[in-house]
C-alpha atoms as a PDB file:
ATOM      1  CA  MET A   1       0.087  -0.065   0.042  1.00  0.00           C
ATOM      2  CA  GLU A   2       1.002   3.474  -0.844  1.00  0.00           C
ATOM      3  CA  PHE A   3       1.443   6.094   1.948  1.00  0.00           C
ATOM      4  CA  THR A   4       1.617   9.428   1.778  1.00  0.00           C
ATOM      5  CA  LEU A   5       2.687  12.524   4.271  1.00  0.00           C
ATOM      6  CA  ARG A   6       1.453  15.793   4.441  1.00  0.00           C
ATOM      7  CA  PRO A   7       1.535  18.725   7.179  1.00  0.00           C
ATOM      8  CA  THR A   8      -0.884  19.226   9.984  1.00  0.00           C
ATOM      9  CA  LEU A   9      -3.460  21.619   9.515  1.00  0.00           C
ATOM     10  CA  LEU A  10      -5.710  23.442  12.085  1.00  0.00           C
ATOM     11  CA  SER A  11      -8.530  21.559  10.454  1.00  0.00           C
ATOM     12  CA  ASP A  12      -6.996  18.356  11.587  1.00  0.00           C
ATOM     13  CA  LEU A  13      -7.411  19.065  14.901  1.00  0.00           C
ATOM     14  CA  GLU A  14      -9.922  16.569  15.933  1.00  0.00           C
ATOM     15  CA  LEU A  15      -8.150  13.912  13.956  1.00  0.00           C
ATOM     16  CA  HIS A  16      -4.983  14.838  16.615  1.00  0.00           C
ATOM     17  CA  VAL A  17      -7.548  14.603  19.441  1.00  0.00           C
ATOM     18  CA  ARG A  18      -8.764  11.240  18.513  1.00  0.00           C
ATOM     19  CA  HIS A  19      -5.452   9.929  18.017  1.00  0.00           C
ATOM     20  CA  ARG A  20      -4.088  11.028  21.413  1.00  0.00           C
ATOM     21  CA  VAL A  21      -7.503   9.492  22.928  1.00  0.00           C
ATOM     22  CA  ALA A  22      -6.611   5.880  21.090  1.00  0.00           C
ATOM     23  CA  MET A  23      -2.722   6.166  21.858  1.00  0.00           C
ATOM     24  CA  PHE A  24      -3.565   6.097  25.769  1.00  0.00           C
ATOM     25  CA  THR A  25      -6.813   3.812  25.144  1.00  0.00           C
ATOM     26  CA  ASP A  26      -3.995   1.144  23.569  1.00  0.00           C
ATOM     27  CA  MET A  27      -1.587   1.776  26.405  1.00  0.00           C
ATOM     28  CA  ASP A  28      -4.253   1.431  29.134  1.00  0.00           C
ATOM     29  CA  TYR A  29      -3.005   4.524  30.346  1.00  0.00           C
ATOM     30  CA  GLY A  30      -5.583   6.488  32.731  1.00  0.00           C
ATOM     31  CA  ASP A  31      -9.626   5.483  32.397  1.00  0.00           C
ATOM     32  CA  GLY A  32     -12.268   6.445  30.226  1.00  0.00           C
ATOM     33  CA  VAL A  33     -13.313   9.752  32.634  1.00  0.00           C
ATOM     34  CA  GLY A  34      -9.563  10.825  32.817  1.00  0.00           C
ATOM     35  CA  ARG A  35      -8.928  10.449  29.136  1.00  0.00           C
ATOM     36  CA  GLU A  36     -12.531  12.511  27.838  1.00  0.00           C
ATOM     37  CA  ALA A  37     -11.216  15.429  30.732  1.00  0.00           C
ATOM     38  CA  MET A  38      -7.800  14.798  28.682  1.00  0.00           C
ATOM     39  CA  ALA A  39      -9.312  15.321  25.102  1.00  0.00           C
ATOM     40  CA  GLY A  40     -11.071  18.534  26.025  1.00  0.00           C
ATOM     41  CA  ALA A  41      -8.107  20.059  27.712  1.00  0.00           C
ATOM     42  CA  PHE A  42      -5.479  18.588  24.807  1.00  0.00           C
ATOM     43  CA  ARG A  43      -7.823  20.024  22.187  1.00  0.00           C
ATOM     44  CA  ASP A  44      -7.960  23.908  23.795  1.00  0.00           C
ATOM     45  CA  ARG A  45      -4.170  23.564  23.882  1.00  0.00           C
ATOM     46  CA  LEU A  46      -3.497  22.105  20.414  1.00  0.00           C
ATOM     47  CA  ARG A  47      -5.688  24.461  18.615  1.00  0.00           C
ATOM     48  CA  THR A  48      -3.503  27.514  20.358  1.00  0.00           C
ATOM     49  CA  TRP A  49      -0.262  25.698  19.506  1.00  0.00           C
ATOM     50  CA  LEU A  50      -1.251  24.953  16.108  1.00  0.00           C
ATOM     51  CA  SER A  51      -2.491  28.463  15.279  1.00  0.00           C
ATOM     52  CA  THR A  52       0.497  29.969  16.849  1.00  0.00           C
ATOM     53  CA  GLY A  53       3.280  27.482  14.965  1.00  0.00           C
ATOM     54  CA  GLU A  54       4.529  26.154  18.421  1.00  0.00           C
ATOM     55  CA  VAL A  55       3.418  22.835  17.251  1.00  0.00           C
ATOM     56  CA  ARG A  56       3.964  21.118  13.833  1.00  0.00           C
ATOM     57  CA  GLY A  57       2.695  17.853  12.763  1.00  0.00           C
ATOM     58  CA  VAL A  58       2.343  15.377   9.695  1.00  0.00           C
ATOM     59  CA  LEU A  59      -0.559  12.859   8.835  1.00  0.00           C
ATOM     60  CA  ALA A  60      -0.097   9.614   6.984  1.00  0.00           C
ATOM     61  CA  GLU A  61      -2.383   9.163   4.068  1.00  0.00           C
ATOM     62  CA  ALA A  62      -3.286   5.736   2.390  1.00  0.00           C
ATOM     63  CA  GLU A  63      -6.145   5.822  -0.518  1.00  0.00           C
ATOM     64  CA  GLY A  64      -7.363   9.435   0.812  1.00  0.00           C
ATOM     65  CA  GLU A  65      -7.883   8.186   4.284  1.00  0.00           C
ATOM     66  CA  GLU A  66      -5.721   9.252   7.892  1.00  0.00           C
ATOM     67  CA  VAL A  67      -3.843   6.144   9.065  1.00  0.00           C
ATOM     68  CA  GLY A  68      -1.493   8.149  11.386  1.00  0.00           C
ATOM     69  CA  GLY A  69      -0.257  11.351  13.048  1.00  0.00           C
ATOM     70  CA  ALA A  70       2.406  12.381  14.954  1.00  0.00           C
ATOM     71  CA  LEU A  71       3.250  16.405  16.138  1.00  0.00           C
ATOM     72  CA  LEU A  72       6.430  18.130  17.232  1.00  0.00           C
ATOM     73  CA  GLN A  73       6.260  21.163  19.888  1.00  0.00           C
ATOM     74  CA  PHE A  74       8.972  23.757  19.845  1.00  0.00           C
ATOM     75  CA  LYS A  75       9.240  24.051  23.566  1.00  0.00           C
ATOM     76  CA  GLU A  76      11.071  26.439  26.010  1.00  0.00           C
ATOM     77  CA  ALA A  77      14.114  24.586  27.804  1.00  0.00           C
ATOM     78  CA  LEU A  78      16.797  25.764  30.127  1.00  0.00           C
ATOM     79  CA  PRO A  79      20.529  26.110  28.356  1.00  0.00           C
ATOM     80  CA  ASN A  80      22.995  23.713  30.375  1.00  0.00           C
ATOM     81  CA  PRO A  81      26.805  23.427  29.534  1.00  0.00           C
ATOM     82  CA  LEU A  82      26.184  20.910  26.656  1.00  0.00           C
ATOM     83  CA  SER A  83      23.580  23.058  24.763  1.00  0.00           C
ATOM     84  CA  PRO A  84      23.134  26.602  25.301  1.00  0.00           C
ATOM     85  CA  GLN A  85      19.662  26.364  23.128  1.00  0.00           C
ATOM     86  CA  ALA A  86      16.638  27.827  24.672  1.00  0.00           C
ATOM     87  CA  VAL A  87      14.560  25.665  22.684  1.00  0.00           C
ATOM     88  CA  ARG A  88      14.074  22.240  22.069  1.00  0.00           C
ATOM     89  CA  GLY A  89      11.598  20.077  20.215  1.00  0.00           C
ATOM     90  CA  TYR A  90       9.433  17.825  21.797  1.00  0.00           C
ATOM     91  CA  LEU A  91       7.837  15.033  19.674  1.00  0.00           C
ATOM     92  CA  PHE A  92       4.273  13.641  20.848  1.00  0.00           C
ATOM     93  CA  ASN A  93       0.992  11.881  20.157  1.00  0.00           C
ATOM     94  CA  VAL A  94       2.973   9.516  17.497  1.00  0.00           C
ATOM     95  CA  TYR A  95      -0.069   7.355  16.059  1.00  0.00           C
ATOM     96  CA  THR A  96      -0.670   4.683  13.491  1.00  0.00           C
ATOM     97  CA  ASP A  97      -3.594   3.361  13.137  1.00  0.00           C
ATOM     98  CA  PRO A  98      -3.602  -0.696  14.253  1.00  0.00           C
ATOM     99  CA  ALA A  99      -4.944  -1.863  11.080  1.00  0.00           C
ATOM    100  CA  PHE A 100      -1.763  -0.016   9.551  1.00  0.00           C
ATOM    101  CA  ARG A 101       1.255  -1.060  12.164  1.00  0.00           C
ATOM    102  CA  GLY A 102       4.402  -2.529  11.496  1.00  0.00           C
ATOM    103  CA  GLN A 103       4.521  -0.862   7.686  1.00  0.00           C
ATOM    104  CA  GLY A 104       7.112   1.868   8.986  1.00  0.00           C
ATOM    105  CA  LEU A 105       4.876   4.896   9.380  1.00  0.00           C
ATOM    106  CA  ALA A 106       5.863   5.566  12.793  1.00  0.00           C
ATOM    107  CA  ARG A 107       9.401   5.827  11.680  1.00  0.00           C
ATOM    108  CA  ARG A 108       8.617   8.022   8.892  1.00  0.00           C
ATOM    109  CA  MET A 109       6.458  10.417  10.535  1.00  0.00           C
ATOM    110  CA  THR A 110       9.222  10.726  13.062  1.00  0.00           C
ATOM    111  CA  HIS A 111      11.964  11.254  10.567  1.00  0.00           C
ATOM    112  CA  ALA A 112       9.640  13.835   8.904  1.00  0.00           C
ATOM    113  CA  LEU A 113       9.431  16.011  12.030  1.00  0.00           C
ATOM    114  CA  LEU A 114      12.999  15.968  12.902  1.00  0.00           C
ATOM    115  CA  GLU A 115      13.638  17.165   9.538  1.00  0.00           C
ATOM    116  CA  VAL A 116      11.367  20.019  10.350  1.00  0.00           C
ATOM    117  CA  ALA A 117      13.488  20.503  13.791  1.00  0.00           C
ATOM    118  CA  THR A 118      16.558  20.277  12.173  1.00  0.00           C
ATOM    119  CA  ALA A 119      15.803  22.670   9.397  1.00  0.00           C
ATOM    120  CA  GLN A 120      14.406  25.267  12.467  1.00  0.00           C
ATOM    121  CA  GLY A 121      17.998  24.664  14.125  1.00  0.00           C
ATOM    122  CA  ILE A 122      16.762  22.776  16.723  1.00  0.00           C
ATOM    123  CA  GLY A 123      19.570  20.653  18.191  1.00  0.00           C
ATOM    124  CA  ILE A 124      17.506  18.466  20.658  1.00  0.00           C
ATOM    125  CA  VAL A 125      14.434  16.442  20.394  1.00  0.00           C
ATOM    126  CA  ASP A 126      12.855  14.706  23.689  1.00  0.00           C
ATOM    127  CA  LEU A 127      10.040  12.386  23.486  1.00  0.00           C
ATOM    128  CA  HIS A 128       8.038   9.818  25.916  1.00  0.00           C
ATOM    129  CA  ALA A 129       7.858   6.578  24.504  1.00  0.00           C
ATOM    130  CA  SER A 130       5.569   3.866  25.546  1.00  0.00           C
ATOM    131  CA  LYS A 131       7.464   0.448  25.970  1.00  0.00           C
ATOM    132  CA  ASP A 132       6.286  -0.878  22.758  1.00  0.00           C
ATOM    133  CA  ALA A 133       7.625   2.095  21.110  1.00  0.00           C
ATOM    134  CA  GLU A 134      11.265   2.096  22.760  1.00  0.00           C
ATOM    135  CA  ALA A 135      12.786  -0.377  20.264  1.00  0.00           C
ATOM    136  CA  LEU A 136      12.081   2.094  17.274  1.00  0.00           C
ATOM    137  CA  TYR A 137      13.220   5.338  18.754  1.00  0.00           C
ATOM    138  CA  ARG A 138      16.133   3.267  19.988  1.00  0.00           C
ATOM    139  CA  SER A 139      17.001   2.390  16.677  1.00  0.00           C
ATOM    140  CA  MET A 140      16.655   5.784  15.513  1.00  0.00           C
ATOM    141  CA  GLY A 141      19.079   7.072  17.602  1.00  0.00           C
ATOM    142  CA  PHE A 142      17.339   8.299  20.507  1.00  0.00           C
ATOM    143  CA  GLU A 143      18.463   7.470  23.819  1.00  0.00           C
ATOM    144  CA  PRO A 144      16.686   7.297  27.378  1.00  0.00           C
ATOM    145  CA  THR A 145      17.894  10.016  29.718  1.00  0.00           C
ATOM    146  CA  PRO A 146      17.735  10.489  33.625  1.00  0.00           C
ATOM    147  CA  GLU A 147      14.270  11.967  33.834  1.00  0.00           C
ATOM    148  CA  PHE A 148      12.172  11.142  37.427  1.00  0.00           C
ATOM    149  CA  ARG A 149       8.870  12.348  37.983  1.00  0.00           C
ATOM    150  CA  LEU A 150       7.496  12.915  41.511  1.00  0.00           C
ATOM    151  CA  ILE A 151       3.419  12.854  41.696  1.00  0.00           C
ATOM    152  CA  LEU A 152       2.442  15.390  44.383  1.00  0.00           C
ATOM    153  CA  ASP A 153      -1.403  15.027  43.826  1.00  0.00           C
ATOM    154  CA  ALA A 154      -2.537  11.734  45.514  1.00  0.00           C
ATOM    155  CA  GLY A 155      -5.536  11.682  43.243  1.00  0.00           C
ATOM    156  CA  ILE A 156      -3.306  10.875  39.930  1.00  0.00           C
ATOM    157  CA  GLN A 157      -2.501   7.292  39.267  1.00  0.00           C
ATOM    158  CA  LYS A 158       1.155   6.415  38.777  1.00  0.00           C
ATOM    159  CA  PRO A 159       1.148   4.457  34.897  1.00  0.00           C
ATOM    160  CA  GLY A 160       1.408   0.572  35.255  1.00  0.00           C
ATOM    161  CA  GLN A 161       4.236   0.419  32.949  1.00  0.00           C
ATOM    162  CA  TRP A 162       6.737   2.827  35.031  1.00  0.00           C
ATOM    163  CA  LYS A 163       6.779  -0.180  37.377  1.00  0.00           C
ATOM    164  CA  GLU A 164       8.581  -2.243  34.168  1.00  0.00           C
ATOM    165  CA  ARG A 165      11.133   0.417  33.737  1.00  0.00           C
ATOM    166  CA  ARG A 166      14.692   1.004  35.381  1.00  0.00           C
END
């Protein structure tokens, strides 16, 4: 099957929201109530980001149907001794419809957004990978970092996949 990539438009907002909900559903991350609340907040934020250019994205299409998407945020970062850059890329919402997985779409979409980052002079791109996607990102040169997280709100559950890391 032939796949094409195209840039995300503001009119693709709902598609990226659906991808985000499906991505977290596939990972069994949170519950339906939490994902619904997340969808509304994400919709509002992504609308702003796409409008301002803070986020760019790509969609994968097959025979006129959108079968995957990915987003790249230009995110403020603290300069450090290894990189004085105050902006980094943050790759997120990489999603491929289950019927089209295993055909290299996530790799193609990620590569396309890394080209966008490079063209913008971004020297570092971060992401949070699901356990299932770790091998893909490692094969593309991404490396795990020493990031830790502390959840201060007792009402926020820890994702199950955290137990399998480190």
